[in-house]
């Protein structure tokens, strides 16, 4: 049985689930950093998939852009956690519903590699994201993502939104190059510095030394 977001109890659950997603980001990550701009209007968002937090980050991007968004997930995952539908998850096989949502001006997000992968170069892409964009007549938005433990106690998430592509565009080439550029930039940046062009979009949990530093400085001023 699918949960209808129009029911009062479902709306309450949706608020609770979204609050839990935000709390998870704030508790688990040091911050979320963005580069690039997300265009207005409906689109198919295509992001590489290598961490537990990727679904959280799709939700965060959509919430920040004030756009309704649906993340396509495997049916067995949604069956096990049906409440995720209230945060925008949609069974990957429900392509007609995905097209209806795009026609309403919403986002549909896809992990086109089709599976969670170890961090590294982009894997081969399945055709679903491009197919949806062609059928709906909306742009493809490649987004490169890395969640990395660098010079602080907690991991940091980096999201690089590329240039929108036409539905027939080379998604694999664009997303692969964007991810490679992100990895090179992270490798060239001091682990305690924000990479060039990125801005903090969400402030999460500070490291122990960062939390203690104001106390130490206050003692030194005594």
Protein backbone atom coordinates (compact mmCIF):
# COMPACT_ATOMS: atom_id res chain seq x y z
CA UNK A 1 0.00 0.00 0.00
CA UNK A 2 1.43 3.37 -1.02
CA UNK A 3 1.29 6.29 1.37
CA UNK A 4 -0.57 9.25 -0.08
CA UNK A 5 1.18 12.55 0.72
CA UNK A 6 -2.24 14.25 0.72
CA UNK A 7 -3.41 12.53 3.89
CA UNK A 8 -2.96 14.57 7.10
CA UNK A 9 -1.04 11.76 8.82
CA UNK A 10 1.20 11.39 5.76
CA UNK A 11 1.93 15.13 5.77
CA UNK A 12 2.95 14.86 9.43
CA UNK A 13 5.18 11.89 8.63
CA UNK A 14 6.72 13.82 5.74
CA UNK A 15 7.61 16.68 8.07
CA UNK A 16 9.15 14.22 10.54
CA UNK A 17 11.12 12.37 7.85
CA UNK A 18 12.49 15.61 6.38
CA UNK A 19 13.45 16.78 9.85
CA UNK A 20 15.30 13.50 10.38
CA UNK A 21 17.14 13.89 7.07
CA UNK A 22 18.29 17.38 8.02
CA UNK A 23 19.30 16.22 11.49
CA UNK A 24 21.28 13.35 9.98
CA UNK A 25 23.22 15.74 7.75
CA UNK A 26 23.87 18.14 10.61
CA UNK A 27 24.93 15.37 13.00
CA UNK A 28 27.07 13.36 10.59
CA UNK A 29 28.74 15.82 8.19
CA UNK A 30 30.91 18.83 8.87
CA UNK A 31 29.21 20.66 6.04
CA UNK A 32 27.84 20.60 2.52
CA UNK A 33 29.66 22.69 -0.10
CA UNK A 34 28.27 23.66 -3.50
CA UNK A 35 29.68 24.86 -6.79
CA UNK A 36 27.64 25.79 -9.85
CA UNK A 37 24.04 26.84 -10.24
CA UNK A 38 20.88 24.78 -10.55
CA UNK A 39 18.58 26.05 -13.34
CA UNK A 40 14.88 26.75 -12.73
CA UNK A 41 12.17 24.47 -13.99
CA UNK A 42 11.80 20.71 -14.37
CA UNK A 43 14.89 18.60 -14.99
CA UNK A 44 16.39 15.15 -14.61
CA UNK A 45 19.19 15.32 -12.06
CA UNK A 46 21.90 12.70 -12.65
CA UNK A 47 24.46 12.17 -9.87
CA UNK A 48 27.20 9.62 -9.23
CA UNK A 49 26.54 7.31 -6.28
CA UNK A 50 29.28 6.35 -3.82
CA UNK A 51 28.08 7.15 -0.30
CA UNK A 52 25.27 6.56 2.18
CA UNK A 53 24.49 10.29 2.14
CA UNK A 54 23.83 10.67 -1.59
CA UNK A 55 20.05 10.41 -1.23
CA UNK A 56 20.16 12.92 1.62
CA UNK A 57 22.10 15.29 -0.62
CA UNK A 58 19.63 15.02 -3.49
CA UNK A 59 16.88 15.94 -1.01
CA UNK A 60 19.01 18.83 0.28
CA UNK A 61 19.62 20.23 -3.21
CA UNK A 62 15.92 20.13 -4.05
CA UNK A 63 14.91 21.68 -0.74
CA UNK A 64 17.47 24.44 -1.20
CA UNK A 65 16.13 25.14 -4.70
CA UNK A 66 12.53 24.96 -3.40
CA UNK A 67 11.67 22.31 -5.98
CA UNK A 68 9.62 19.15 -5.44
CA UNK A 69 11.88 16.23 -6.30
CA UNK A 70 11.58 12.47 -6.68
CA UNK A 71 14.57 10.16 -6.35
CA UNK A 72 14.22 6.91 -8.28
CA UNK A 73 15.20 3.95 -6.08
CA UNK A 74 15.04 0.19 -6.37
CA UNK A 75 11.61 -1.21 -5.60
CA UNK A 76 12.90 -3.55 -2.86
CA UNK A 77 14.45 -0.60 -1.02
CA UNK A 78 11.24 1.39 -1.09
CA UNK A 79 9.23 -1.66 -0.09
CA UNK A 80 11.45 -2.10 2.96
CA UNK A 81 11.32 1.61 3.84
CA UNK A 82 8.00 2.84 2.39
CA UNK A 83 8.10 6.00 4.48
CA UNK A 84 10.91 7.21 2.20
CA UNK A 85 8.22 7.92 -0.39
CA UNK A 86 7.21 10.87 1.78
CA UNK A 87 10.69 12.37 1.27
CA UNK A 88 10.46 12.05 -2.50
CA UNK A 89 11.54 8.47 -3.24
CA UNK A 90 9.82 6.73 -6.16
CA UNK A 91 10.13 3.14 -7.39
CA UNK A 92 12.48 3.04 -10.37
CA UNK A 93 9.91 1.12 -12.40
CA UNK A 94 7.21 3.80 -12.12
CA UNK A 95 8.36 5.68 -15.20
CA UNK A 96 4.90 6.99 -16.08
CA UNK A 97 4.59 8.60 -12.67
CA UNK A 98 8.10 10.04 -13.05
CA UNK A 99 7.07 11.57 -16.39
CA UNK A 100 3.90 12.99 -14.82
CA UNK A 101 5.96 14.64 -12.12
CA UNK A 102 8.33 16.14 -14.68
CA UNK A 103 5.30 17.44 -16.60
CA UNK A 104 4.16 19.18 -13.38
CA UNK A 105 7.47 21.04 -13.25
CA UNK A 106 9.18 18.82 -10.67
CA UNK A 107 12.63 17.25 -10.57
CA UNK A 108 13.35 13.57 -11.00
CA UNK A 109 16.75 12.44 -9.69
CA UNK A 110 18.59 9.33 -10.85
CA UNK A 111 21.82 7.58 -9.89
CA UNK A 112 22.62 6.52 -13.46
CA UNK A 113 25.43 4.13 -12.47
CA UNK A 114 22.62 1.96 -11.13
CA UNK A 115 24.36 0.90 -7.93
CA UNK A 116 26.44 2.15 -5.03
CA UNK A 117 30.10 2.16 -6.10
CA UNK A 118 33.42 2.65 -4.37
CA UNK A 119 34.80 6.20 -4.76
CA UNK A 120 36.61 6.47 -8.06
CA UNK A 121 36.01 7.27 -11.72
CA UNK A 122 32.44 7.28 -12.96
CA UNK A 123 31.16 3.83 -13.84
CA UNK A 124 29.18 2.92 -16.98
CA UNK A 125 25.78 4.63 -17.06
CA UNK A 126 22.40 3.08 -17.60
CA UNK A 127 20.18 4.89 -20.11
CA UNK A 128 17.25 5.71 -17.79
CA UNK A 129 18.14 9.33 -17.02
CA UNK A 130 18.60 10.27 -20.68
CA UNK A 131 15.46 8.36 -21.66
CA UNK A 132 13.36 10.25 -19.09
CA UNK A 133 14.77 13.60 -20.23
CA UNK A 134 13.99 12.82 -23.87
CA UNK A 135 10.46 11.62 -23.13
CA UNK A 136 9.68 14.64 -20.94
CA UNK A 137 11.55 17.17 -23.09
CA UNK A 138 13.51 18.51 -20.09
CA UNK A 139 17.23 19.14 -19.55
CA UNK A 140 19.67 16.77 -17.89
CA UNK A 141 21.64 18.20 -14.98
CA UNK A 142 24.91 16.38 -14.18
CA UNK A 143 25.94 16.72 -10.53
CA UNK A 144 29.28 15.37 -9.31
CA UNK A 145 29.35 14.38 -5.64
CA UNK A 146 32.06 13.45 -3.19
CA UNK A 147 31.66 12.78 0.51
CA UNK A 148 35.20 12.78 1.91
CA UNK A 149 36.93 12.65 5.28
CA UNK A 150 39.67 15.25 4.96
CA UNK A 151 41.32 17.39 7.62
CA UNK A 152 38.51 17.42 10.17
CA UNK A 153 36.76 14.98 12.46
CA UNK A 154 33.67 14.55 10.27
CA UNK A 155 33.26 14.01 6.51
CA UNK A 156 32.44 16.88 4.15
CA UNK A 157 30.13 16.71 1.14
CA UNK A 158 31.01 18.48 -2.12
CA UNK A 159 28.39 18.92 -4.86
CA UNK A 160 29.35 20.37 -8.25
CA UNK A 161 26.40 21.15 -10.52
CA UNK A 162 27.45 21.19 -14.16
CA UNK A 163 25.92 22.92 -17.14
CA UNK A 164 22.46 21.63 -18.11
CA UNK A 165 22.50 19.31 -21.10
CA UNK A 166 19.85 18.84 -23.77
CA UNK A 167 18.05 15.48 -23.48
CA UNK A 168 20.23 14.00 -26.23
CA UNK A 169 23.45 15.34 -24.66
CA UNK A 170 26.47 13.27 -23.66
CA UNK A 171 25.62 12.68 -20.00
CA UNK A 172 28.35 10.09 -19.44
CA UNK A 173 31.03 12.38 -20.84
CA UNK A 174 29.83 15.47 -18.97
CA UNK A 175 29.33 13.77 -15.60
CA UNK A 176 32.55 11.78 -15.90
CA UNK A 177 34.59 14.91 -16.65
CA UNK A 178 32.90 16.87 -13.87
CA UNK A 179 33.64 14.13 -11.34
CA UNK A 180 37.26 13.92 -12.50
CA UNK A 181 37.63 17.69 -12.13
CA UNK A 182 36.17 17.53 -8.63
CA UNK A 183 38.58 14.76 -7.62
CA UNK A 184 41.56 16.70 -9.02
CA UNK A 185 40.51 19.85 -7.21
CA UNK A 186 40.13 18.02 -3.90
CA UNK A 187 43.54 16.41 -4.36
CA UNK A 188 45.14 19.83 -4.98
CA UNK A 189 43.44 21.59 -2.04
CA UNK A 190 44.73 21.61 1.54
CA UNK A 191 42.49 19.27 3.58
CA UNK A 192 41.46 22.11 5.90
CA UNK A 193 40.56 24.55 3.12
CA UNK A 194 37.43 24.86 1.01
CA UNK A 195 38.20 24.06 -2.64
CA UNK A 196 38.20 27.00 -5.06
CA UNK A 197 34.76 27.95 -6.32
CA UNK A 198 32.84 26.11 -3.59
CA UNK A 199 30.69 27.78 -0.95
CA UNK A 200 29.32 26.41 2.29
CA UNK A 201 25.62 25.70 1.83
CA UNK A 202 25.01 23.78 5.03
CA UNK A 203 26.92 23.95 8.30
CA UNK A 204 27.18 20.68 10.14
CA UNK A 205 29.11 19.32 13.08
CA UNK A 206 32.40 20.96 13.99
CA UNK A 207 35.49 18.98 15.03
CA UNK A 208 36.45 18.71 18.70
CA UNK A 209 39.32 21.18 18.33
CA UNK A 210 37.03 23.68 16.62
CA UNK A 211 34.52 23.42 19.46
CA UNK A 212 37.20 23.73 22.12
CA UNK A 213 39.17 26.57 20.49
CA UNK A 214 36.85 29.41 21.69
CA UNK A 215 37.21 28.14 25.25
CA UNK A 216 41.02 28.05 24.98
CA UNK A 217 41.08 31.57 23.53
CA UNK A 218 38.80 32.81 26.30
CA UNK A 219 41.14 31.35 28.94
CA UNK A 220 44.13 32.98 27.27
CA UNK A 221 42.43 36.36 27.48
CA UNK A 222 41.98 36.07 31.25
